[in-house]
Amino acid sequence: MKGVFDKKYVKKLDGNWIKEGKSWYDLAEQLKEDILRFKEESNCSRLVVVWTASTEIFMETTDVHKDLASFEKGLKENSPDIAPSMVYAYAALSLGIPFANGAPNLTTDIPALLELSHKNNVPIAGKDFKTGQTLMKTIIAPGLKARLIGLSGWFSTNILGNRDGEVLDDPDSFKTKEVSKLSVLEHILQPDRYPELYGKLYHKVRINYYPPRGDNKEGWDNLDIFGWLGYPMQIKIDFLCRDSILAAPIVLDLALFMDLASRIGFRGIQEWLSFYFKSPMHAPELYPEHDLFIQLMKLKNTLRFIQGEELITHLGQEYYD
């Protein structure tokens, strides 16, 4: 089926099988028809939408995003503050279908679509699958912090080919990805609470498009750390991985868990699925949890809660009394 695409939002790509319509709203209605037709033809009783398309240009929230009424007005008026991924999310949520955002785009992370998810009792989750270099950061940084090992610098560079690398070769799309990648360390290390250890951390991220690599990407990291008496040391990481092989199981897990969330009546942001995302959605009054091990505990405890099982505390005192 034809897609909703506008080159302004993904400058490095050209769409040749795209829908035509007088407005974003018209395109959203066409998407709804496609979704319902797919559901009928596939003989499906339930659906989940997982966004795995390319990274759009960097966007910030505006008045168009502030509530559902403003957003629907923007859809009808072809607002430039609405990107194609938002049109897909709107179509899915309008039909009561759970939506998970696997890209760093703004997409569902706006008040209007959060309002729609609550109105229609639909779960949403995102954003940006945590697969390669950032996965390593959320494994290693908690360990450094747990042992109070200082960190003065973390330099990260990525080499990747395929369409993802080509899209991120555009500065506007790279900024969207960069924001997602950079936010991880600050929230894990809490430099405001540990200024002597992490207050002067220099964190740099680079992405380099290298076509010969194809789907094989390389995440190379240099960490400048320091220990007792300020003694300097280094850690080097070279993660040679396959992007799609790491991402595919995440898509499958999210399809199952988002469907589960929908069936038991969960709605809005599914923070318990933060385990899968670089830049997890969260309530405005909360900070995003990036520590992979805390995220895993939230995931396990939520599943135990759903099953009516006792939650994991690791107190362990009952074994020694």
C-alpha atoms as a PDB file:
ATOM      1  CA  MET A   1       0.000   0.000   0.000  1.00  0.00           C
ATOM      2  CA  LYS A   2       1.123   3.570  -0.616  1.00  0.00           C
ATOM      3  CA  GLY A   3       2.681   5.510   2.246  1.00  0.00           C
ATOM      4  CA  VAL A   4       2.479   9.010   3.696  1.00  0.00           C
ATOM      5  CA  PHE A   5       5.747  10.741   2.825  1.00  0.00           C
ATOM      6  CA  ASP A   6       7.088  14.278   2.505  1.00  0.00           C
ATOM      7  CA  LYS A   7      10.715  14.864   1.543  1.00  0.00           C
ATOM      8  CA  LYS A   8      10.885  17.962   3.787  1.00  0.00           C
ATOM      9  CA  TYR A   9      10.990  15.660   6.816  1.00  0.00           C
ATOM     10  CA  VAL A  10      13.485  13.070   5.465  1.00  0.00           C
ATOM     11  CA  LYS A  11      15.666  15.015   3.057  1.00  0.00           C
ATOM     12  CA  LYS A  12      17.904  12.179   1.889  1.00  0.00           C
ATOM     13  CA  LEU A  13      15.059   9.983   0.610  1.00  0.00           C
ATOM     14  CA  ASP A  14      12.719  10.146  -2.354  1.00  0.00           C
ATOM     15  CA  GLY A  15       9.269   8.579  -2.161  1.00  0.00           C
ATOM     16  CA  ASN A  16       7.930   6.971  -5.331  1.00  0.00           C
ATOM     17  CA  TRP A  17       4.894   5.123  -3.952  1.00  0.00           C
ATOM     18  CA  ILE A  18       3.096   7.724  -1.865  1.00  0.00           C
ATOM     19  CA  LYS A  19      -0.436   8.781  -1.131  1.00  0.00           C
ATOM     20  CA  GLU A  20      -1.980  11.977  -2.425  1.00  0.00           C
ATOM     21  CA  GLY A  21      -4.469  14.040  -0.439  1.00  0.00           C
ATOM     22  CA  LYS A  22      -5.611  17.596   0.134  1.00  0.00           C
ATOM     23  CA  SER A  23      -4.438  17.622   3.774  1.00  0.00           C
ATOM     24  CA  TRP A  24      -2.729  15.617   6.519  1.00  0.00           C
ATOM     25  CA  TYR A  25      -6.215  14.859   7.785  1.00  0.00           C
ATOM     26  CA  ASP A  26      -7.241  13.400   4.431  1.00  0.00           C
ATOM     27  CA  LEU A  27      -4.096  11.236   4.415  1.00  0.00           C
ATOM     28  CA  ALA A  28      -4.866  10.054   7.954  1.00  0.00           C
ATOM     29  CA  GLU A  29      -8.338   8.981   6.815  1.00  0.00           C
ATOM     30  CA  GLN A  30      -6.762   7.044   3.944  1.00  0.00           C
ATOM     31  CA  LEU A  31      -4.422   5.336   6.405  1.00  0.00           C
ATOM     32  CA  LYS A  32      -7.371   4.308   8.569  1.00  0.00           C
ATOM     33  CA  GLU A  33      -9.010   2.711   5.548  1.00  0.00           C
ATOM     34  CA  ASP A  34      -5.766   0.841   4.757  1.00  0.00           C
ATOM     35  CA  ILE A  35      -5.458  -0.415   8.334  1.00  0.00           C
ATOM     36  CA  LEU A  36      -9.052  -1.624   8.502  1.00  0.00           C
ATOM     37  CA  ARG A  37      -8.758  -3.297   5.107  1.00  0.00           C
ATOM     38  CA  PHE A  38      -5.547  -5.044   6.178  1.00  0.00           C
ATOM     39  CA  LYS A  39      -7.240  -6.219   9.371  1.00  0.00           C
ATOM     40  CA  GLU A  40     -10.154  -7.702   7.432  1.00  0.00           C
ATOM     41  CA  GLU A  41      -8.082  -9.272   4.644  1.00  0.00           C
ATOM     42  CA  SER A  42      -5.611 -10.757   7.146  1.00  0.00           C
ATOM     43  CA  ASN A  43      -8.431 -12.033   9.355  1.00  0.00           C
ATOM     44  CA  CYS A  44      -6.867 -10.351  12.409  1.00  0.00           C
ATOM     45  CA  SER A  45      -8.811  -9.758  15.602  1.00  0.00           C
ATOM     46  CA  ARG A  46      -6.299  -7.238  17.036  1.00  0.00           C
ATOM     47  CA  LEU A  47      -3.518  -5.021  15.660  1.00  0.00           C
ATOM     48  CA  VAL A  48      -0.399  -3.251  16.927  1.00  0.00           C
ATOM     49  CA  VAL A  49       1.514  -0.586  14.988  1.00  0.00           C
ATOM     50  CA  VAL A  50       5.296  -0.356  15.480  1.00  0.00           C
ATOM     51  CA  TRP A  51       6.971   2.557  13.687  1.00  0.00           C
ATOM     52  CA  THR A  52      10.309   1.454  12.159  1.00  0.00           C
ATOM     53  CA  ALA A  53      10.692   4.030   9.382  1.00  0.00           C
ATOM     54  CA  SER A  54      13.512   6.541   8.922  1.00  0.00           C
ATOM     55  CA  THR A  55      14.544   9.345  11.260  1.00  0.00           C
ATOM     56  CA  GLU A  56      12.738  12.604  10.524  1.00  0.00           C
ATOM     57  CA  ILE A  57      14.232  16.070  10.940  1.00  0.00           C
ATOM     58  CA  PHE A  58      14.530  17.527  14.425  1.00  0.00           C
ATOM     59  CA  MET A  59      11.266  19.046  15.677  1.00  0.00           C
ATOM     60  CA  GLU A  60      10.135  20.649  18.927  1.00  0.00           C
ATOM     61  CA  THR A  61       6.642  20.856  20.380  1.00  0.00           C
ATOM     62  CA  THR A  62       4.546  23.848  19.338  1.00  0.00           C
ATOM     63  CA  ASP A  63       0.998  25.089  19.938  1.00  0.00           C
ATOM     64  CA  VAL A  64      -0.197  22.664  17.258  1.00  0.00           C
ATOM     65  CA  HIS A  65       0.799  19.801  19.561  1.00  0.00           C
ATOM     66  CA  LYS A  66      -0.639  21.186  22.809  1.00  0.00           C
ATOM     67  CA  ASP A  67      -3.995  19.359  22.681  1.00  0.00           C
ATOM     68  CA  LEU A  68      -6.067  17.131  20.421  1.00  0.00           C
ATOM     69  CA  ALA A  69      -8.296  19.928  19.116  1.00  0.00           C
ATOM     70  CA  SER A  70      -5.262  21.996  18.029  1.00  0.00           C
ATOM     71  CA  PHE A  71      -3.630  18.954  16.458  1.00  0.00           C
ATOM     72  CA  GLU A  72      -6.700  17.999  14.424  1.00  0.00           C
ATOM     73  CA  LYS A  73      -6.990  21.615  13.285  1.00  0.00           C
ATOM     74  CA  GLY A  74      -3.339  21.413  12.216  1.00  0.00           C
ATOM     75  CA  LEU A  75      -4.025  18.193  10.317  1.00  0.00           C
ATOM     76  CA  LYS A  76      -6.780  19.889   8.337  1.00  0.00           C
ATOM     77  CA  GLU A  77      -4.634  22.976   7.692  1.00  0.00           C
ATOM     78  CA  ASN A  78      -1.490  21.040   6.657  1.00  0.00           C
ATOM     79  CA  SER A  79       0.609  22.411   9.507  1.00  0.00           C
ATOM     80  CA  PRO A  80       4.383  22.111   8.902  1.00  0.00           C
ATOM     81  CA  ASP A  81       4.683  21.178  12.596  1.00  0.00           C
ATOM     82  CA  ILE A  82       3.064  17.814  11.824  1.00  0.00           C
ATOM     83  CA  ALA A  83       5.331  15.132  10.345  1.00  0.00           C
ATOM     84  CA  PRO A  84       4.303  11.923   8.520  1.00  0.00           C
ATOM     85  CA  SER A  85       5.059   9.733  11.563  1.00  0.00           C
ATOM     86  CA  MET A  86       2.517  11.761  13.564  1.00  0.00           C
ATOM     87  CA  VAL A  87      -0.107  11.123  10.884  1.00  0.00           C
ATOM     88  CA  TYR A  88       0.459   7.368  11.238  1.00  0.00           C
ATOM     89  CA  ALA A  89       0.271   7.587  15.028  1.00  0.00           C
ATOM     90  CA  TYR A  90      -2.918   9.638  14.862  1.00  0.00           C
ATOM     91  CA  ALA A  91      -4.544   7.144  12.483  1.00  0.00           C
ATOM     92  CA  ALA A  92      -3.644   4.160  14.660  1.00  0.00           C
ATOM     93  CA  LEU A  93      -4.687   5.738  17.965  1.00  0.00           C
ATOM     94  CA  SER A  94      -7.938   6.996  16.438  1.00  0.00           C
ATOM     95  CA  LEU A  95      -8.771   3.367  15.656  1.00  0.00           C
ATOM     96  CA  GLY A  96      -7.830   2.229  19.163  1.00  0.00           C
ATOM     97  CA  ILE A  97      -4.645   0.488  17.987  1.00  0.00           C
ATOM     98  CA  PRO A  98      -1.532   0.522  20.226  1.00  0.00           C
ATOM     99  CA  PHE A  99       1.396   2.464  18.748  1.00  0.00           C
ATOM    100  CA  ALA A 100       5.116   2.063  19.547  1.00  0.00           C
ATOM    101  CA  ASN A 101       7.646   4.503  18.093  1.00  0.00           C
ATOM    102  CA  GLY A 102      10.972   2.896  17.192  1.00  0.00           C
ATOM    103  CA  ALA A 103      12.554   6.082  15.798  1.00  0.00           C
ATOM    104  CA  PRO A 104      13.822   9.189  17.639  1.00  0.00           C
ATOM    105  CA  ASN A 105      11.143  11.361  16.012  1.00  0.00           C
ATOM    106  CA  LEU A 106       8.834  13.511  18.149  1.00  0.00           C
ATOM    107  CA  THR A 107       5.817  11.472  16.906  1.00  0.00           C
ATOM    108  CA  THR A 108       3.758  10.362  19.949  1.00  0.00           C
ATOM    109  CA  ASP A 109       5.779  12.386  22.447  1.00  0.00           C
ATOM    110  CA  ILE A 110       3.341  15.313  22.241  1.00  0.00           C
ATOM    111  CA  PRO A 111       0.401  16.237  24.513  1.00  0.00           C
ATOM    112  CA  ALA A 112      -2.158  15.931  21.690  1.00  0.00           C
ATOM    113  CA  LEU A 113      -1.487  12.266  20.962  1.00  0.00           C
ATOM    114  CA  LEU A 114      -1.125  11.436  24.637  1.00  0.00           C
ATOM    115  CA  GLU A 115      -4.596  12.937  25.071  1.00  0.00           C
ATOM    116  CA  LEU A 116      -5.890  10.798  22.203  1.00  0.00           C
ATOM    117  CA  SER A 117      -4.374   7.646  23.728  1.00  0.00           C
ATOM    118  CA  HIS A 118      -6.210   8.325  26.996  1.00  0.00           C
ATOM    119  CA  LYS A 119      -9.433   9.252  25.227  1.00  0.00           C
ATOM    120  CA  ASN A 120      -9.472   5.952  23.310  1.00  0.00           C
ATOM    121  CA  ASN A 121      -7.852   3.852  26.067  1.00  0.00           C
ATOM    122  CA  VAL A 122      -4.845   2.952  23.919  1.00  0.00           C
ATOM    123  CA  PRO A 123      -1.254   2.246  25.061  1.00  0.00           C
ATOM    124  CA  ILE A 124       1.644   4.126  23.470  1.00  0.00           C
ATOM    125  CA  ALA A 125       5.405   3.660  23.868  1.00  0.00           C
ATOM    126  CA  GLY A 126       8.685   4.991  22.521  1.00  0.00           C
ATOM    127  CA  LYS A 127      11.033   6.254  21.438  1.00  0.00           C
ATOM    128  CA  ASP A 128      14.049   5.083  19.416  1.00  0.00           C
ATOM    129  CA  PHE A 129      15.022   1.411  19.647  1.00  0.00           C
ATOM    130  CA  LYS A 130      18.024   0.782  21.917  1.00  0.00           C
ATOM    131  CA  THR A 131      20.165  -1.644  19.938  1.00  0.00           C
ATOM    132  CA  GLY A 132      23.849  -0.804  19.476  1.00  0.00           C
ATOM    133  CA  GLN A 133      26.075   1.840  20.975  1.00  0.00           C
ATOM    134  CA  THR A 134      23.467   3.280  23.325  1.00  0.00           C
ATOM    135  CA  LEU A 135      22.683  -0.211  24.600  1.00  0.00           C
ATOM    136  CA  MET A 136      26.361  -0.477  25.594  1.00  0.00           C
ATOM    137  CA  LYS A 137      26.152   2.879  27.376  1.00  0.00           C
ATOM    138  CA  THR A 138      23.138   1.832  29.429  1.00  0.00           C
ATOM    139  CA  ILE A 139      25.001  -1.337  30.457  1.00  0.00           C
ATOM    140  CA  ILE A 140      28.386   0.211  31.273  1.00  0.00           C
ATOM    141  CA  ALA A 141      27.454   3.607  32.746  1.00  0.00           C
ATOM    142  CA  PRO A 142      25.381   2.113  35.618  1.00  0.00           C
ATOM    143  CA  GLY A 143      28.357  -0.079  36.518  1.00  0.00           C
ATOM    144  CA  LEU A 144      30.742   2.880  36.638  1.00  0.00           C
ATOM    145  CA  LYS A 145      28.306   4.831  38.766  1.00  0.00           C
ATOM    146  CA  ALA A 146      27.684   1.889  41.115  1.00  0.00           C
ATOM    147  CA  ARG A 147      31.426   1.733  41.893  1.00  0.00           C
ATOM    148  CA  LEU A 148      31.738   5.558  41.897  1.00  0.00           C
ATOM    149  CA  ILE A 149      34.329   5.508  39.128  1.00  0.00           C
ATOM    150  CA  GLY A 150      34.746   9.009  37.697  1.00  0.00           C
ATOM    151  CA  LEU A 151      34.171   9.854  34.062  1.00  0.00           C
ATOM    152  CA  SER A 152      35.689  12.894  32.376  1.00  0.00           C
ATOM    153  CA  GLY A 153      34.933  12.095  28.740  1.00  0.00           C
ATOM    154  CA  TRP A 154      32.957   9.699  26.532  1.00  0.00           C
ATOM    155  CA  PHE A 155      33.566   9.922  22.797  1.00  0.00           C
ATOM    156  CA  SER A 156      31.318   7.865  20.522  1.00  0.00           C
ATOM    157  CA  THR A 157      31.498   7.422  16.793  1.00  0.00           C
ATOM    158  CA  ASN A 158      29.334   5.233  14.567  1.00  0.00           C
ATOM    159  CA  ILE A 159      30.013   3.781  11.139  1.00  0.00           C
ATOM    160  CA  LEU A 160      26.988   2.496   9.281  1.00  0.00           C
ATOM    161  CA  GLY A 161      25.691   2.071   5.769  1.00  0.00           C
ATOM    162  CA  ASN A 162      22.193   1.191   4.527  1.00  0.00           C
ATOM    163  CA  ARG A 163      19.348   3.671   4.345  1.00  0.00           C
ATOM    164  CA  ASP A 164      19.570   4.537   8.031  1.00  0.00           C
ATOM    165  CA  GLY A 165      23.122   5.766   7.579  1.00  0.00           C
ATOM    166  CA  GLU A 166      22.166   7.701   4.451  1.00  0.00           C
ATOM    167  CA  VAL A 167      19.280   9.456   6.215  1.00  0.00           C
ATOM    168  CA  LEU A 168      21.433  10.352   9.227  1.00  0.00           C
ATOM    169  CA  ASP A 169      24.013  11.885   6.887  1.00  0.00           C
ATOM    170  CA  ASP A 170      21.639  14.865   6.787  1.00  0.00           C
ATOM    171  CA  PRO A 171      22.388  17.278   9.700  1.00  0.00           C
ATOM    172  CA  ASP A 172      18.703  17.857  10.503  1.00  0.00           C
ATOM    173  CA  SER A 173      17.986  14.142  10.842  1.00  0.00           C
ATOM    174  CA  PHE A 174      21.241  13.582  12.722  1.00  0.00           C
ATOM    175  CA  LYS A 175      20.225  16.190  15.317  1.00  0.00           C
ATOM    176  CA  THR A 176      17.081  14.166  16.077  1.00  0.00           C
ATOM    177  CA  LYS A 177      19.240  11.079  16.670  1.00  0.00           C
ATOM    178  CA  GLU A 178      21.922  13.027  18.536  1.00  0.00           C
ATOM    179  CA  VAL A 179      19.445  14.373  21.097  1.00  0.00           C
ATOM    180  CA  SER A 180      18.228  10.827  21.726  1.00  0.00           C
ATOM    181  CA  LYS A 181      21.775   9.480  22.157  1.00  0.00           C
ATOM    182  CA  LEU A 182      23.135  12.308  24.297  1.00  0.00           C
ATOM    183  CA  SER A 183      20.395  12.240  26.927  1.00  0.00           C
ATOM    184  CA  VAL A 184      21.337   8.795  28.245  1.00  0.00           C
ATOM    185  CA  LEU A 185      24.475   9.478  30.298  1.00  0.00           C
ATOM    186  CA  GLU A 186      23.250  12.574  32.104  1.00  0.00           C
ATOM    187  CA  HIS A 187      20.208  10.805  33.508  1.00  0.00           C
ATOM    188  CA  ILE A 188      22.152   7.694  34.521  1.00  0.00           C
ATOM    189  CA  LEU A 189      25.149   9.445  36.100  1.00  0.00           C
ATOM    190  CA  GLN A 190      23.238  12.315  37.803  1.00  0.00           C
ATOM    191  CA  PRO A 191      26.091  14.883  37.643  1.00  0.00           C
ATOM    192  CA  ASP A 192      24.158  17.284  39.883  1.00  0.00           C
ATOM    193  CA  ARG A 193      24.370  14.730  42.705  1.00  0.00           C
ATOM    194  CA  TYR A 194      27.937  13.579  41.921  1.00  0.00           C
ATOM    195  CA  PRO A 195      29.647  16.737  40.625  1.00  0.00           C
ATOM    196  CA  GLU A 196      33.188  15.603  41.476  1.00  0.00           C
ATOM    197  CA  LEU A 197      32.780  12.406  39.469  1.00  0.00           C
ATOM    198  CA  TYR A 198      30.581  13.430  36.537  1.00  0.00           C
ATOM    199  CA  GLY A 199      30.118  17.218  36.723  1.00  0.00           C
ATOM    200  CA  LYS A 200      32.655  17.951  33.976  1.00  0.00           C
ATOM    201  CA  LEU A 201      31.838  15.042  31.656  1.00  0.00           C
ATOM    202  CA  TYR A 202      32.441  15.795  27.973  1.00  0.00           C
ATOM    203  CA  HIS A 203      30.124  13.647  25.852  1.00  0.00           C
ATOM    204  CA  LYS A 204      30.444  13.666  22.058  1.00  0.00           C
ATOM    205  CA  VAL A 205      28.508  11.551  19.513  1.00  0.00           C
ATOM    206  CA  ARG A 206      29.307  11.201  15.805  1.00  0.00           C
ATOM    207  CA  ILE A 207      27.586   9.189  13.041  1.00  0.00           C
ATOM    208  CA  ASN A 208      29.440   8.493   9.795  1.00  0.00           C
ATOM    209  CA  TYR A 209      27.742   7.191   6.657  1.00  0.00           C
ATOM    210  CA  TYR A 210      29.890   4.500   5.044  1.00  0.00           C
ATOM    211  CA  PRO A 211      27.954   2.623   2.295  1.00  0.00           C
ATOM    212  CA  PRO A 212      30.184  -0.502   2.104  1.00  0.00           C
ATOM    213  CA  ARG A 213      29.095  -1.522   5.622  1.00  0.00           C
ATOM    214  CA  GLY A 214      25.450  -2.006   4.591  1.00  0.00           C
ATOM    215  CA  ASP A 215      23.436  -3.266   7.573  1.00  0.00           C
ATOM    216  CA  ASN A 216      26.601  -3.992   9.574  1.00  0.00           C
ATOM    217  CA  LYS A 217      27.320  -1.077  11.861  1.00  0.00           C
ATOM    218  CA  GLU A 218      30.220  -0.309  14.160  1.00  0.00           C
ATOM    219  CA  GLY A 219      29.983   1.640  17.393  1.00  0.00           C
ATOM    220  CA  TRP A 220      33.382   2.749  18.675  1.00  0.00           C
ATOM    221  CA  ASP A 221      33.714   4.347  22.117  1.00  0.00           C
ATOM    222  CA  ASN A 222      36.545   5.876  24.115  1.00  0.00           C
ATOM    223  CA  LEU A 223      35.937   6.460  27.825  1.00  0.00           C
ATOM    224  CA  ASP A 224      38.306   8.567  29.904  1.00  0.00           C
ATOM    225  CA  ILE A 225      37.746   7.468  33.481  1.00  0.00           C
ATOM    226  CA  PHE A 226      39.465   8.123  36.797  1.00  0.00           C
ATOM    227  CA  GLY A 227      39.619   6.223  40.045  1.00  0.00           C
ATOM    228  CA  TRP A 228      40.929   6.661  43.564  1.00  0.00           C
ATOM    229  CA  LEU A 229      43.164   9.742  43.997  1.00  0.00           C
ATOM    230  CA  GLY A 230      42.017  10.888  40.555  1.00  0.00           C
ATOM    231  CA  TYR A 231      44.216   8.352  38.767  1.00  0.00           C
ATOM    232  CA  PRO A 232      43.320   8.435  35.009  1.00  0.00           C
ATOM    233  CA  MET A 233      42.412   5.289  33.059  1.00  0.00           C
ATOM    234  CA  GLN A 234      40.669   4.441  29.785  1.00  0.00           C
ATOM    235  CA  ILE A 235      38.122   2.001  28.407  1.00  0.00           C
ATOM    236  CA  LYS A 236      37.832   1.216  24.677  1.00  0.00           C
ATOM    237  CA  ILE A 237      34.768  -0.442  23.162  1.00  0.00           C
ATOM    238  CA  ASP A 238      34.356  -1.572  19.557  1.00  0.00           C
ATOM    239  CA  PHE A 239      30.900  -3.046  18.999  1.00  0.00           C
ATOM    240  CA  LEU A 240      30.593  -4.656  15.566  1.00  0.00           C
ATOM    241  CA  CYS A 241      26.956  -5.536  15.137  1.00  0.00           C
ATOM    242  CA  ARG A 242      24.095  -6.047  12.713  1.00  0.00           C
ATOM    243  CA  ASP A 243      21.407  -3.420  13.075  1.00  0.00           C
ATOM    244  CA  SER A 244      18.394  -5.394  11.889  1.00  0.00           C
ATOM    245  CA  ILE A 245      19.343  -8.517  13.853  1.00  0.00           C
ATOM    246  CA  LEU A 246      19.378  -6.476  17.068  1.00  0.00           C
ATOM    247  CA  ALA A 247      16.196  -4.549  16.264  1.00  0.00           C
ATOM    248  CA  ALA A 248      13.943  -7.377  15.023  1.00  0.00           C
ATOM    249  CA  PRO A 249      13.481  -9.076  18.439  1.00  0.00           C
ATOM    250  CA  ILE A 250      12.583  -5.693  19.944  1.00  0.00           C
ATOM    251  CA  VAL A 251       9.804  -5.267  17.380  1.00  0.00           C
ATOM    252  CA  LEU A 252       8.465  -8.733  18.187  1.00  0.00           C
ATOM    253  CA  ASP A 253       8.584  -8.139  21.952  1.00  0.00           C
ATOM    254  CA  LEU A 254       6.855  -4.790  21.619  1.00  0.00           C
ATOM    255  CA  ALA A 255       4.112  -6.221  19.419  1.00  0.00           C
ATOM    256  CA  LEU A 256       3.369  -8.837  22.094  1.00  0.00           C
ATOM    257  CA  PHE A 257       3.660  -6.532  25.098  1.00  0.00           C
ATOM    258  CA  MET A 258       1.700  -3.657  23.542  1.00  0.00           C
ATOM    259  CA  ASP A 259      -1.079  -6.091  22.664  1.00  0.00           C
ATOM    260  CA  LEU A 260      -0.991  -7.406  26.233  1.00  0.00           C
ATOM    261  CA  ALA A 261      -1.192  -3.854  27.586  1.00  0.00           C
ATOM    262  CA  SER A 262      -4.197  -3.152  25.380  1.00  0.00           C
ATOM    263  CA  ARG A 263      -6.003  -6.342  26.389  1.00  0.00           C
ATOM    264  CA  ILE A 264      -5.706  -5.636  30.109  1.00  0.00           C
ATOM    265  CA  GLY A 265      -6.780  -2.006  29.808  1.00  0.00           C
ATOM    266  CA  PHE A 266      -3.496  -0.100  30.110  1.00  0.00           C
ATOM    267  CA  ARG A 267      -3.541   3.241  28.332  1.00  0.00           C
ATOM    268  CA  GLY A 268      -1.198   6.135  27.630  1.00  0.00           C
ATOM    269  CA  ILE A 269       2.562   5.914  28.169  1.00  0.00           C
ATOM    270  CA  GLN A 270       3.870   2.417  28.901  1.00  0.00           C
ATOM    271  CA  GLU A 271       6.932   3.345  30.937  1.00  0.00           C
ATOM    272  CA  TRP A 272       7.505  -0.307  31.840  1.00  0.00           C
ATOM    273  CA  LEU A 273       8.643  -0.833  28.241  1.00  0.00           C
ATOM    274  CA  SER A 274      11.475   1.731  28.578  1.00  0.00           C
ATOM    275  CA  PHE A 275      13.861  -1.252  28.487  1.00  0.00           C
ATOM    276  CA  TYR A 276      13.612  -1.197  24.682  1.00  0.00           C
ATOM    277  CA  PHE A 277      14.123   2.533  24.005  1.00  0.00           C
ATOM    278  CA  LYS A 278      16.974   5.069  23.911  1.00  0.00           C
ATOM    279  CA  SER A 279      14.728   7.988  24.831  1.00  0.00           C
ATOM    280  CA  PRO A 280      11.816   6.495  26.781  1.00  0.00           C
ATOM    281  CA  MET A 281       8.576   8.419  27.093  1.00  0.00           C
ATOM    282  CA  HIS A 282       7.655   9.443  30.632  1.00  0.00           C
ATOM    283  CA  ALA A 283       5.217  11.588  32.568  1.00  0.00           C
ATOM    284  CA  PRO A 284       6.161  15.313  32.544  1.00  0.00           C
ATOM    285  CA  GLU A 285       6.763  15.364  36.302  1.00  0.00           C
ATOM    286  CA  LEU A 286       9.152  12.375  36.159  1.00  0.00           C
ATOM    287  CA  TYR A 287      12.664  11.974  34.779  1.00  0.00           C
ATOM    288  CA  PRO A 288      13.329   9.258  32.168  1.00  0.00           C
ATOM    289  CA  GLU A 289      14.956   6.106  33.545  1.00  0.00           C
ATOM    290  CA  HIS A 290      17.887   5.010  31.346  1.00  0.00           C
ATOM    291  CA  ASP A 291      19.629   2.485  33.609  1.00  0.00           C
ATOM    292  CA  LEU A 292      19.100  -0.808  31.732  1.00  0.00           C
ATOM    293  CA  PHE A 293      18.963  -2.846  34.939  1.00  0.00           C
ATOM    294  CA  ILE A 294      16.345  -0.637  36.593  1.00  0.00           C
ATOM    295  CA  GLN A 295      14.379  -0.738  33.339  1.00  0.00           C
ATOM    296  CA  LEU A 296      14.559  -4.543  33.325  1.00  0.00           C
ATOM    297  CA  MET A 297      13.308  -4.663  36.923  1.00  0.00           C
ATOM    298  CA  LYS A 298      10.360  -2.416  35.979  1.00  0.00           C
ATOM    299  CA  LEU A 299       9.567  -4.695  33.050  1.00  0.00           C
ATOM    300  CA  LYS A 300       9.731  -7.869  35.157  1.00  0.00           C
ATOM    301  CA  ASN A 301       7.735  -6.410  38.039  1.00  0.00           C
ATOM    302  CA  THR A 302       5.018  -5.116  35.715  1.00  0.00           C
ATOM    303  CA  LEU A 303       4.642  -8.566  34.167  1.00  0.00           C
ATOM    304  CA  ARG A 304       4.529 -10.123  37.649  1.00  0.00           C
ATOM    305  CA  PHE A 305       1.891  -7.559  38.689  1.00  0.00           C
ATOM    306  CA  ILE A 306      -0.196  -8.431  35.630  1.00  0.00           C
ATOM    307  CA  GLN A 307       0.017 -12.127  36.542  1.00  0.00           C
ATOM    308  CA  GLY A 308      -0.806 -11.469  40.193  1.00  0.00           C
ATOM    309  CA  GLU A 309       2.634 -12.663  41.295  1.00  0.00           C
ATOM    310  CA  GLU A 310       4.651 -11.270  44.197  1.00  0.00           C
ATOM    311  CA  LEU A 311       6.883  -8.391  43.095  1.00  0.00           C
ATOM    312  CA  ILE A 312      10.668  -8.746  43.135  1.00  0.00           C
ATOM    313  CA  THR A 313      12.343  -6.805  45.953  1.00  0.00           C
ATOM    314  CA  HIS A 314      15.630  -8.723  46.442  1.00  0.00           C
ATOM    315  CA  LEU A 315      15.427  -8.116  50.195  1.00  0.00           C
ATOM    316  CA  GLY A 316      16.117 -11.774  50.788  1.00  0.00           C
ATOM    317  CA  GLN A 317      15.780 -11.557  54.580  1.00  0.00           C
ATOM    318  CA  GLU A 318      13.259 -14.372  54.730  1.00  0.00           C
ATOM    319  CA  TYR A 319      15.980 -16.839  53.741  1.00  0.00           C
ATOM    320  CA  TYR A 320      18.117 -15.997  56.776  1.00  0.00           C
ATOM    321  CA  ASP A 321      15.603 -15.490  59.590  1.00  0.00           C
END
